[in-house]
Amino acid sequence: MHLMEKIFSHAWKGKRGMSNEDPEKVMPIQEQYVDDEQGLQRRHVVDTTLIVHFFGPKGNSDLNFESFKKFMLHLQTEVLELEFNEFSKGLPTISEVDFAKILLRYTYLDTDQYDMYLDRLLDRIKDSKGITFEEFHVFCQFLNNLEDFSIAMRMYTLADHPISKGNFLQHKYCCIFEF
């Protein structure tokens, strides 16, 4: 089951009183209230699904950087899968035009400019190969790390040193470029 499905399913069940928790684990009545500077109040302990996921059911586990990084990578991948599946409609690839539409979603173009870019793309595509999810994922990772790539290219430029194809391909996201 996907991570986000599990999180939202747990939250949905909790809101409807369908929690999987043991009824004997419910906090005793005297612990459900706190007496603070504002008087006796009902304790508002909200264990969100993310809190439980990160820190365990009792809230006493530690969250380390690697676990959080892994969570974020899975979350980003699931969001990309949703976006990809919106266009692929169950097929293993999306068209080059659909890929362009995904990229153009994040631009500020008027309708004429948008259409001009798509028309230019259609004129240049001889035979459609399609874009797989893996290619889409790698490209999006490259975009997320574009600043790192830009810094590396600037360093070569400042050093007045040409970059060879071998050096270029050493960058972990350059596999998206075909020569």
N, C-alpha and C. Protein backbone atom coordinates (compact mmCIF):
# COMPACT_ATOMS: atom_id res chain seq x y z
N MET A 1 0.85 -1.18 0.00
CA MET A 1 0.00 0.00 0.00
C MET A 1 0.89 1.23 0.00
N HIS A 2 0.54 2.22 -0.77
CA HIS A 2 1.32 3.44 -0.81
C HIS A 2 1.26 4.15 0.54
N LEU A 3 2.32 4.83 0.86
CA LEU A 3 2.44 5.54 2.13
C LEU A 3 1.31 6.53 2.34
N MET A 4 1.01 7.35 1.33
CA MET A 4 -0.03 8.36 1.50
C MET A 4 -1.40 7.72 1.68
N GLU A 5 -1.66 6.60 0.99
CA GLU A 5 -2.92 5.91 1.17
C GLU A 5 -3.06 5.43 2.62
N LYS A 6 -1.96 4.89 3.17
CA LYS A 6 -1.98 4.40 4.53
C LYS A 6 -2.25 5.54 5.51
N ILE A 7 -1.59 6.67 5.30
CA ILE A 7 -1.75 7.82 6.19
C ILE A 7 -3.18 8.34 6.14
N PHE A 8 -3.71 8.54 4.94
CA PHE A 8 -5.05 9.09 4.83
C PHE A 8 -6.11 8.09 5.27
N SER A 9 -5.89 6.81 5.03
CA SER A 9 -6.82 5.79 5.47
C SER A 9 -6.91 5.78 6.99
N HIS A 10 -5.77 5.87 7.64
CA HIS A 10 -5.74 5.91 9.11
C HIS A 10 -6.47 7.15 9.63
N ALA A 11 -6.24 8.29 8.99
CA ALA A 11 -6.89 9.53 9.41
C ALA A 11 -8.40 9.44 9.20
N TRP A 12 -8.83 8.86 8.07
CA TRP A 12 -10.25 8.72 7.78
C TRP A 12 -10.92 7.83 8.82
N LYS A 13 -10.29 6.70 9.15
CA LYS A 13 -10.84 5.78 10.16
C LYS A 13 -10.91 6.47 11.51
N GLY A 14 -9.89 7.21 11.86
CA GLY A 14 -9.86 7.89 13.15
C GLY A 14 -11.00 8.89 13.29
N LYS A 15 -11.29 9.63 12.23
CA LYS A 15 -12.37 10.63 12.27
C LYS A 15 -13.74 9.98 12.42
N ARG A 16 -13.85 8.73 12.02
CA ARG A 16 -15.14 8.04 12.07
C ARG A 16 -15.22 7.05 13.22
N GLY A 17 -14.27 7.15 14.15
CA GLY A 17 -14.29 6.26 15.32
C GLY A 17 -13.99 4.82 14.98
N MET A 18 -13.32 4.60 13.87
CA MET A 18 -13.02 3.23 13.43
C MET A 18 -11.55 2.90 13.65
N SER A 19 -10.95 3.52 14.64
CA SER A 19 -9.53 3.35 14.88
C SER A 19 -9.22 1.90 15.20
N ASN A 20 -8.03 1.48 14.84
CA ASN A 20 -7.58 0.12 15.12
C ASN A 20 -7.02 -0.02 16.53
N GLU A 21 -7.11 1.02 17.33
CA GLU A 21 -6.53 0.99 18.67
C GLU A 21 -7.36 0.13 19.60
N ASP A 22 -6.69 -0.49 20.54
CA ASP A 22 -7.32 -1.30 21.57
C ASP A 22 -8.08 -0.38 22.52
N PRO A 23 -9.38 -0.65 22.79
CA PRO A 23 -10.15 0.22 23.68
C PRO A 23 -9.54 0.33 25.08
N GLU A 24 -8.78 -0.69 25.51
CA GLU A 24 -8.16 -0.63 26.83
C GLU A 24 -6.99 0.33 26.87
N LYS A 25 -6.50 0.75 25.70
CA LYS A 25 -5.38 1.69 25.65
C LYS A 25 -5.84 3.13 25.72
N VAL A 26 -7.16 3.36 25.81
CA VAL A 26 -7.68 4.72 25.91
C VAL A 26 -7.23 5.31 27.23
N MET A 27 -6.86 6.59 27.22
CA MET A 27 -6.33 7.28 28.38
C MET A 27 -7.37 7.30 29.52
N PRO A 28 -6.96 6.96 30.76
CA PRO A 28 -7.89 7.03 31.89
C PRO A 28 -8.43 8.45 32.04
N ILE A 29 -9.66 8.55 32.62
CA ILE A 29 -10.37 9.83 32.70
C ILE A 29 -9.55 10.92 33.40
N GLN A 30 -8.82 10.58 34.47
CA GLN A 30 -8.05 11.59 35.18
C GLN A 30 -6.89 12.13 34.33
N GLU A 31 -6.44 11.33 33.34
CA GLU A 31 -5.37 11.79 32.47
C GLU A 31 -5.90 12.55 31.25
N GLN A 32 -7.21 12.56 31.07
CA GLN A 32 -7.80 13.26 29.93
C GLN A 32 -7.93 14.76 30.19
N TYR A 33 -7.62 15.21 31.42
CA TYR A 33 -7.73 16.62 31.78
C TYR A 33 -6.41 17.12 32.31
N VAL A 34 -6.15 18.40 32.11
CA VAL A 34 -4.94 19.04 32.59
C VAL A 34 -5.35 20.29 33.36
N ASP A 35 -4.66 20.54 34.47
CA ASP A 35 -4.93 21.72 35.27
C ASP A 35 -3.76 22.67 35.07
N ASP A 36 -3.97 23.72 34.28
CA ASP A 36 -2.88 24.67 34.04
C ASP A 36 -3.32 26.06 34.47
N GLU A 37 -2.60 27.09 34.04
CA GLU A 37 -2.90 28.46 34.46
C GLU A 37 -4.29 28.92 34.03
N GLN A 38 -4.90 28.24 33.09
CA GLN A 38 -6.23 28.62 32.63
C GLN A 38 -7.31 27.75 33.28
N GLY A 39 -6.95 26.93 34.27
CA GLY A 39 -7.91 26.09 34.96
C GLY A 39 -7.95 24.69 34.38
N LEU A 40 -8.90 23.94 34.84
CA LEU A 40 -9.04 22.55 34.42
C LEU A 40 -9.58 22.51 32.98
N GLN A 41 -8.85 21.84 32.11
CA GLN A 41 -9.24 21.76 30.70
C GLN A 41 -9.06 20.34 30.21
N ARG A 42 -9.83 20.01 29.20
CA ARG A 42 -9.66 18.71 28.55
C ARG A 42 -8.33 18.71 27.82
N ARG A 43 -7.55 17.67 28.02
CA ARG A 43 -6.25 17.54 27.35
C ARG A 43 -6.49 17.35 25.85
N HIS A 44 -5.80 18.10 25.05
CA HIS A 44 -5.93 17.99 23.59
C HIS A 44 -4.68 17.35 23.03
N VAL A 45 -4.64 16.06 23.10
CA VAL A 45 -3.53 15.32 22.53
C VAL A 45 -3.96 14.89 21.14
N VAL A 46 -3.32 15.43 20.16
CA VAL A 46 -3.67 15.10 18.79
C VAL A 46 -2.50 14.34 18.18
N ASP A 47 -2.67 13.04 18.07
CA ASP A 47 -1.66 12.24 17.41
C ASP A 47 -2.04 12.10 15.95
N THR A 48 -1.52 12.99 15.13
CA THR A 48 -1.80 12.89 13.70
C THR A 48 -1.13 11.65 13.17
N THR A 49 -1.56 11.22 12.03
CA THR A 49 -0.99 10.02 11.43
C THR A 49 0.49 10.22 11.14
N LEU A 50 0.88 11.44 10.74
CA LEU A 50 2.30 11.70 10.49
C LEU A 50 3.10 11.61 11.78
N ILE A 51 2.55 12.11 12.89
CA ILE A 51 3.25 12.02 14.18
C ILE A 51 3.46 10.55 14.53
N VAL A 52 2.41 9.75 14.37
CA VAL A 52 2.51 8.32 14.66
C VAL A 52 3.52 7.67 13.71
N HIS A 53 3.46 8.04 12.43
CA HIS A 53 4.39 7.47 11.44
C HIS A 53 5.84 7.82 11.79
N PHE A 54 6.09 9.07 12.16
CA PHE A 54 7.45 9.51 12.45
C PHE A 54 7.96 9.05 13.81
N PHE A 55 7.09 9.06 14.82
CA PHE A 55 7.55 8.83 16.20
C PHE A 55 6.97 7.59 16.86
N GLY A 56 6.22 6.77 16.11
CA GLY A 56 5.67 5.54 16.65
C GLY A 56 4.36 5.78 17.38
N PRO A 57 3.62 4.69 17.66
CA PRO A 57 2.31 4.81 18.29
C PRO A 57 2.35 5.46 19.67
N LYS A 58 3.43 5.27 20.40
CA LYS A 58 3.54 5.86 21.74
C LYS A 58 4.24 7.21 21.72
N GLY A 59 4.74 7.60 20.57
CA GLY A 59 5.39 8.91 20.44
C GLY A 59 6.78 8.98 21.04
N ASN A 60 7.38 7.83 21.32
CA ASN A 60 8.69 7.84 21.97
C ASN A 60 9.83 7.39 21.06
N SER A 61 9.54 7.17 19.79
CA SER A 61 10.60 6.82 18.84
C SER A 61 11.27 8.09 18.33
N ASP A 62 12.47 7.95 17.85
CA ASP A 62 13.20 9.09 17.29
C ASP A 62 13.07 9.10 15.78
N LEU A 63 13.02 10.29 15.23
CA LEU A 63 13.01 10.47 13.78
C LEU A 63 14.40 10.93 13.37
N ASN A 64 15.07 10.13 12.55
CA ASN A 64 16.39 10.54 12.09
C ASN A 64 16.30 11.11 10.68
N PHE A 65 17.37 11.74 10.27
CA PHE A 65 17.40 12.40 8.98
C PHE A 65 17.13 11.43 7.84
N GLU A 66 17.75 10.25 7.89
CA GLU A 66 17.59 9.28 6.80
C GLU A 66 16.13 8.84 6.65
N SER A 67 15.46 8.61 7.78
CA SER A 67 14.04 8.21 7.72
C SER A 67 13.19 9.32 7.13
N PHE A 68 13.45 10.56 7.54
CA PHE A 68 12.68 11.68 7.02
C PHE A 68 12.96 11.88 5.53
N LYS A 69 14.22 11.76 5.15
CA LYS A 69 14.60 11.90 3.74
C LYS A 69 13.90 10.83 2.90
N LYS A 70 13.88 9.60 3.41
CA LYS A 70 13.22 8.50 2.70
C LYS A 70 11.72 8.79 2.56
N PHE A 71 11.10 9.29 3.63
CA PHE A 71 9.69 9.65 3.59
C PHE A 71 9.45 10.71 2.52
N MET A 72 10.27 11.75 2.49
CA MET A 72 10.10 12.84 1.53
C MET A 72 10.29 12.34 0.09
N LEU A 73 11.26 11.47 -0.13
CA LEU A 73 11.48 10.93 -1.48
C LEU A 73 10.28 10.11 -1.92
N HIS A 74 9.73 9.28 -1.01
CA HIS A 74 8.54 8.50 -1.35
C HIS A 74 7.35 9.40 -1.63
N LEU A 75 7.20 10.44 -0.83
CA LEU A 75 6.09 11.38 -1.02
C LEU A 75 6.21 12.07 -2.39
N GLN A 76 7.41 12.54 -2.70
CA GLN A 76 7.62 13.20 -4.00
C GLN A 76 7.35 12.24 -5.16
N THR A 77 7.79 11.00 -5.01
CA THR A 77 7.58 10.01 -6.07
C THR A 77 6.09 9.73 -6.26
N GLU A 78 5.35 9.63 -5.15
CA GLU A 78 3.91 9.38 -5.27
C GLU A 78 3.19 10.56 -5.93
N VAL A 79 3.60 11.78 -5.62
CA VAL A 79 2.99 12.95 -6.26
C VAL A 79 3.29 12.93 -7.76
N LEU A 80 4.53 12.59 -8.12
CA LEU A 80 4.89 12.50 -9.54
C LEU A 80 4.10 11.39 -10.23
N GLU A 81 3.90 10.26 -9.54
CA GLU A 81 3.11 9.17 -10.12
C GLU A 81 1.68 9.64 -10.40
N LEU A 82 1.11 10.39 -9.47
CA LEU A 82 -0.25 10.90 -9.68
C LEU A 82 -0.30 11.81 -10.91
N GLU A 83 0.69 12.69 -11.02
CA GLU A 83 0.72 13.61 -12.16
C GLU A 83 0.91 12.84 -13.46
N PHE A 84 1.82 11.87 -13.45
CA PHE A 84 2.09 11.06 -14.64
C PHE A 84 0.84 10.27 -15.03
N ASN A 85 0.21 9.64 -14.04
CA ASN A 85 -0.97 8.81 -14.32
C ASN A 85 -2.16 9.61 -14.83
N GLU A 86 -2.21 10.89 -14.47
CA GLU A 86 -3.28 11.75 -14.99
C GLU A 86 -3.21 11.82 -16.51
N PHE A 87 -2.00 11.80 -17.06
CA PHE A 87 -1.82 11.90 -18.51
C PHE A 87 -1.69 10.54 -19.19
N SER A 88 -1.14 9.54 -18.49
CA SER A 88 -0.89 8.24 -19.13
C SER A 88 -2.16 7.40 -19.27
N LYS A 89 -3.13 7.65 -18.40
CA LYS A 89 -4.40 6.92 -18.44
C LYS A 89 -4.18 5.40 -18.48
N GLY A 90 -3.26 4.94 -17.63
CA GLY A 90 -3.01 3.50 -17.51
C GLY A 90 -1.97 2.95 -18.46
N LEU A 91 -1.50 3.74 -19.40
CA LEU A 91 -0.47 3.28 -20.34
C LEU A 91 0.91 3.45 -19.70
N PRO A 92 1.92 2.74 -20.22
CA PRO A 92 3.26 2.85 -19.62
C PRO A 92 4.00 4.15 -19.98
N THR A 93 3.49 4.91 -20.94
CA THR A 93 4.16 6.15 -21.34
C THR A 93 3.14 7.28 -21.51
N ILE A 94 3.68 8.50 -21.50
CA ILE A 94 2.89 9.66 -21.89
C ILE A 94 3.50 10.19 -23.18
N SER A 95 2.72 10.91 -23.93
CA SER A 95 3.24 11.46 -25.19
C SER A 95 4.17 12.64 -24.89
N GLU A 96 4.98 12.97 -25.86
CA GLU A 96 5.87 14.11 -25.73
C GLU A 96 5.06 15.40 -25.55
N VAL A 97 3.90 15.46 -26.20
CA VAL A 97 3.04 16.63 -26.07
C VAL A 97 2.50 16.72 -24.64
N ASP A 98 2.07 15.59 -24.08
CA ASP A 98 1.60 15.60 -22.70
C ASP A 98 2.72 15.99 -21.73
N PHE A 99 3.92 15.52 -22.00
CA PHE A 99 5.08 15.90 -21.18
C PHE A 99 5.28 17.41 -21.24
N ALA A 100 5.17 17.97 -22.45
CA ALA A 100 5.31 19.42 -22.60
C ALA A 100 4.20 20.15 -21.85
N LYS A 101 2.98 19.61 -21.88
CA LYS A 101 1.86 20.23 -21.17
C LYS A 101 2.12 20.24 -19.66
N ILE A 102 2.71 19.16 -19.15
CA ILE A 102 3.04 19.11 -17.72
C ILE A 102 4.05 20.21 -17.39
N LEU A 103 5.06 20.36 -18.23
CA LEU A 103 6.08 21.38 -17.99
C LEU A 103 5.50 22.78 -18.12
N LEU A 104 4.62 22.97 -19.09
CA LEU A 104 4.06 24.30 -19.33
C LEU A 104 3.04 24.70 -18.26
N ARG A 105 2.58 23.74 -17.46
CA ARG A 105 1.67 24.07 -16.35
C ARG A 105 2.29 25.09 -15.40
N TYR A 106 3.59 25.05 -15.28
CA TYR A 106 4.29 25.87 -14.29
C TYR A 106 4.89 27.14 -14.89
N THR A 107 4.36 27.54 -16.03
CA THR A 107 4.84 28.77 -16.67
C THR A 107 3.72 29.80 -16.70
N TYR A 108 4.10 31.02 -16.93
CA TYR A 108 3.13 32.11 -17.04
C TYR A 108 3.08 32.55 -18.51
N LEU A 109 2.39 31.76 -19.30
CA LEU A 109 2.27 32.06 -20.72
C LEU A 109 0.82 32.37 -21.05
N ASP A 110 0.64 33.28 -22.00
CA ASP A 110 -0.74 33.48 -22.46
C ASP A 110 -1.07 32.35 -23.44
N THR A 111 -2.32 32.24 -23.80
CA THR A 111 -2.79 31.13 -24.63
C THR A 111 -2.06 31.04 -25.96
N ASP A 112 -1.79 32.18 -26.58
CA ASP A 112 -1.10 32.17 -27.88
C ASP A 112 0.31 31.61 -27.76
N GLN A 113 1.04 32.03 -26.72
CA GLN A 113 2.39 31.51 -26.51
C GLN A 113 2.37 30.01 -26.22
N TYR A 114 1.43 29.60 -25.38
CA TYR A 114 1.28 28.19 -25.01
C TYR A 114 1.05 27.35 -26.27
N ASP A 115 0.12 27.79 -27.09
CA ASP A 115 -0.19 27.07 -28.33
C ASP A 115 1.01 27.07 -29.28
N MET A 116 1.75 28.19 -29.33
CA MET A 116 2.91 28.28 -30.21
C MET A 116 3.96 27.22 -29.83
N TYR A 117 4.22 27.07 -28.51
CA TYR A 117 5.19 26.07 -28.07
C TYR A 117 4.74 24.65 -28.42
N LEU A 118 3.47 24.36 -28.21
CA LEU A 118 2.97 23.02 -28.52
C LEU A 118 2.99 22.77 -30.03
N ASP A 119 2.63 23.77 -30.83
CA ASP A 119 2.68 23.62 -32.28
C ASP A 119 4.11 23.38 -32.76
N ARG A 120 5.06 24.12 -32.20
CA ARG A 120 6.47 23.95 -32.57
C ARG A 120 6.95 22.54 -32.22
N LEU A 121 6.52 22.05 -31.08
CA LEU A 121 6.88 20.69 -30.67
C LEU A 121 6.29 19.67 -31.64
N LEU A 122 5.02 19.84 -31.99
CA LEU A 122 4.37 18.91 -32.92
C LEU A 122 5.07 18.89 -34.28
N ASP A 123 5.58 20.06 -34.73
CA ASP A 123 6.30 20.13 -36.01
C ASP A 123 7.61 19.37 -35.96
N ARG A 124 8.23 19.29 -34.78
CA ARG A 124 9.55 18.68 -34.65
C ARG A 124 9.51 17.19 -34.35
N ILE A 125 8.39 16.68 -33.85
CA ILE A 125 8.31 15.26 -33.51
C ILE A 125 8.03 14.47 -34.79
N LYS A 126 8.98 13.63 -35.15
CA LYS A 126 8.81 12.80 -36.35
C LYS A 126 8.03 11.54 -36.01
N ASP A 127 8.52 10.78 -35.01
CA ASP A 127 7.79 9.60 -34.56
C ASP A 127 7.82 9.58 -33.04
N SER A 128 6.67 9.50 -32.46
CA SER A 128 6.52 9.57 -31.01
C SER A 128 7.00 8.29 -30.35
N LYS A 129 7.91 8.43 -29.39
CA LYS A 129 8.40 7.28 -28.63
C LYS A 129 7.72 7.21 -27.27
N GLY A 130 7.26 8.35 -26.81
CA GLY A 130 6.65 8.41 -25.49
C GLY A 130 7.69 8.58 -24.39
N ILE A 131 7.22 8.99 -23.23
CA ILE A 131 8.07 9.22 -22.07
C ILE A 131 7.61 8.25 -20.98
N THR A 132 8.54 7.42 -20.47
CA THR A 132 8.19 6.48 -19.41
C THR A 132 8.18 7.20 -18.06
N PHE A 133 7.61 6.55 -17.06
CA PHE A 133 7.60 7.16 -15.73
C PHE A 133 9.03 7.34 -15.22
N GLU A 134 9.88 6.37 -15.49
CA GLU A 134 11.28 6.47 -15.02
C GLU A 134 11.96 7.70 -15.64
N GLU A 135 11.78 7.93 -16.93
CA GLU A 135 12.35 9.11 -17.58
C GLU A 135 11.76 10.39 -16.99
N PHE A 136 10.45 10.38 -16.77
CA PHE A 136 9.77 11.53 -16.17
C PHE A 136 10.31 11.80 -14.77
N HIS A 137 10.48 10.75 -13.99
CA HIS A 137 10.97 10.87 -12.61
C HIS A 137 12.40 11.43 -12.60
N VAL A 138 13.27 10.89 -13.45
CA VAL A 138 14.65 11.36 -13.51
C VAL A 138 14.71 12.83 -13.93
N PHE A 139 13.87 13.21 -14.90
CA PHE A 139 13.85 14.60 -15.34
C PHE A 139 13.40 15.52 -14.21
N CYS A 140 12.38 15.11 -13.47
CA CYS A 140 11.90 15.94 -12.35
C CYS A 140 12.96 16.04 -11.25
N GLN A 141 13.71 14.96 -11.00
CA GLN A 141 14.82 15.02 -10.04
C GLN A 141 15.88 16.00 -10.52
N PHE A 142 16.14 15.98 -11.81
CA PHE A 142 17.10 16.92 -12.38
C PHE A 142 16.64 18.36 -12.15
N LEU A 143 15.34 18.62 -12.40
CA LEU A 143 14.81 19.97 -12.19
C LEU A 143 14.92 20.38 -10.71
N ASN A 144 14.68 19.42 -9.80
CA ASN A 144 14.80 19.72 -8.38
C ASN A 144 16.23 20.02 -7.97
N ASN A 145 17.19 19.53 -8.74
CA ASN A 145 18.60 19.75 -8.43
C ASN A 145 19.28 20.63 -9.47
N LEU A 146 18.50 21.42 -10.15
CA LEU A 146 19.02 22.27 -11.22
C LEU A 146 20.07 23.25 -10.71
N GLU A 147 19.88 23.75 -9.50
CA GLU A 147 20.83 24.70 -8.95
C GLU A 147 22.22 24.06 -8.77
N ASP A 148 22.25 22.82 -8.28
CA ASP A 148 23.54 22.11 -8.13
C ASP A 148 24.22 21.96 -9.49
N PHE A 149 23.43 21.58 -10.48
CA PHE A 149 23.97 21.41 -11.83
C PHE A 149 24.49 22.75 -12.37
N SER A 150 23.72 23.81 -12.14
CA SER A 150 24.11 25.13 -12.60
C SER A 150 25.42 25.59 -11.95
N ILE A 151 25.58 25.33 -10.67
CA ILE A 151 26.82 25.70 -9.96
C ILE A 151 28.00 24.95 -10.56
N ALA A 152 27.82 23.65 -10.82
CA ALA A 152 28.91 22.86 -11.41
C ALA A 152 29.30 23.41 -12.78
N MET A 153 28.33 23.77 -13.59
CA MET A 153 28.62 24.31 -14.91
C MET A 153 29.31 25.67 -14.80
N ARG A 154 28.87 26.50 -13.84
CA ARG A 154 29.51 27.80 -13.63
C ARG A 154 30.97 27.64 -13.22
N MET A 155 31.25 26.62 -12.41
CA MET A 155 32.64 26.40 -11.97
C MET A 155 33.54 26.10 -13.16
N TYR A 156 33.04 25.28 -14.09
CA TYR A 156 33.83 25.01 -15.30
C TYR A 156 34.03 26.29 -16.10
N THR A 157 32.98 27.11 -16.20
CA THR A 157 33.06 28.35 -16.96
C THR A 157 34.06 29.31 -16.31
N LEU A 158 33.97 29.47 -14.99
CA LEU A 158 34.88 30.38 -14.28
C LEU A 158 36.34 29.92 -14.38
N ALA A 159 36.52 28.62 -14.41
CA ALA A 159 37.88 28.08 -14.52
C ALA A 159 38.37 28.14 -15.96
N ASP A 160 37.50 28.61 -16.87
CA ASP A 160 37.82 28.66 -18.29
C ASP A 160 38.30 27.30 -18.78
N HIS A 161 37.58 26.30 -18.34
CA HIS A 161 37.93 24.92 -18.65
C HIS A 161 36.74 24.28 -19.36
N PRO A 162 36.93 23.78 -20.57
CA PRO A 162 35.81 23.15 -21.26
C PRO A 162 35.42 21.84 -20.55
N ILE A 163 34.18 21.49 -20.64
CA ILE A 163 33.73 20.24 -20.02
C ILE A 163 33.64 19.16 -21.08
N SER A 164 34.21 18.03 -20.78
CA SER A 164 34.17 16.92 -21.74
C SER A 164 32.86 16.16 -21.56
N LYS A 165 32.54 15.36 -22.55
CA LYS A 165 31.33 14.55 -22.48
C LYS A 165 31.41 13.62 -21.27
N GLY A 166 32.56 13.05 -21.00
CA GLY A 166 32.75 12.16 -19.85
C GLY A 166 32.49 12.86 -18.54
N ASN A 167 33.05 14.08 -18.38
CA ASN A 167 32.81 14.85 -17.16
C ASN A 167 31.33 15.22 -17.02
N PHE A 168 30.73 15.57 -18.14
CA PHE A 168 29.32 15.95 -18.14
C PHE A 168 28.45 14.77 -17.68
N LEU A 169 28.76 13.59 -18.19
CA LEU A 169 27.96 12.42 -17.87
C LEU A 169 28.18 11.92 -16.45
N GLN A 170 29.24 12.39 -15.76
CA GLN A 170 29.47 11.99 -14.38
C GLN A 170 28.42 12.57 -13.44
N HIS A 171 27.79 13.68 -13.84
CA HIS A 171 26.74 14.27 -13.01
C HIS A 171 25.59 13.27 -12.95
N LYS A 172 25.09 12.99 -11.75
CA LYS A 172 24.14 11.88 -11.56
C LYS A 172 22.81 12.05 -12.28
N TYR A 173 22.47 13.25 -12.75
CA TYR A 173 21.18 13.44 -13.43
C TYR A 173 21.33 13.65 -14.92
N CYS A 174 22.55 13.53 -15.43
CA CYS A 174 22.75 13.81 -16.85
C CYS A 174 22.34 12.65 -17.74
N CYS A 175 21.89 11.55 -17.15
CA CYS A 175 21.47 10.43 -17.96
C CYS A 175 20.20 10.74 -18.76
N ILE A 176 19.58 11.88 -18.49
CA ILE A 176 18.38 12.23 -19.24
C ILE A 176 18.72 12.82 -20.60
N PHE A 177 19.99 13.21 -20.77
CA PHE A 177 20.39 13.80 -22.04
C PHE A 177 20.91 12.70 -22.96
N GLU A 178 20.45 12.70 -24.18
CA GLU A 178 20.93 11.73 -25.15
C GLU A 178 21.86 12.42 -26.13
N PHE A 179 22.93 11.74 -26.45
CA PHE A 179 23.90 12.30 -27.41
C PHE A 179 23.89 11.51 -28.68
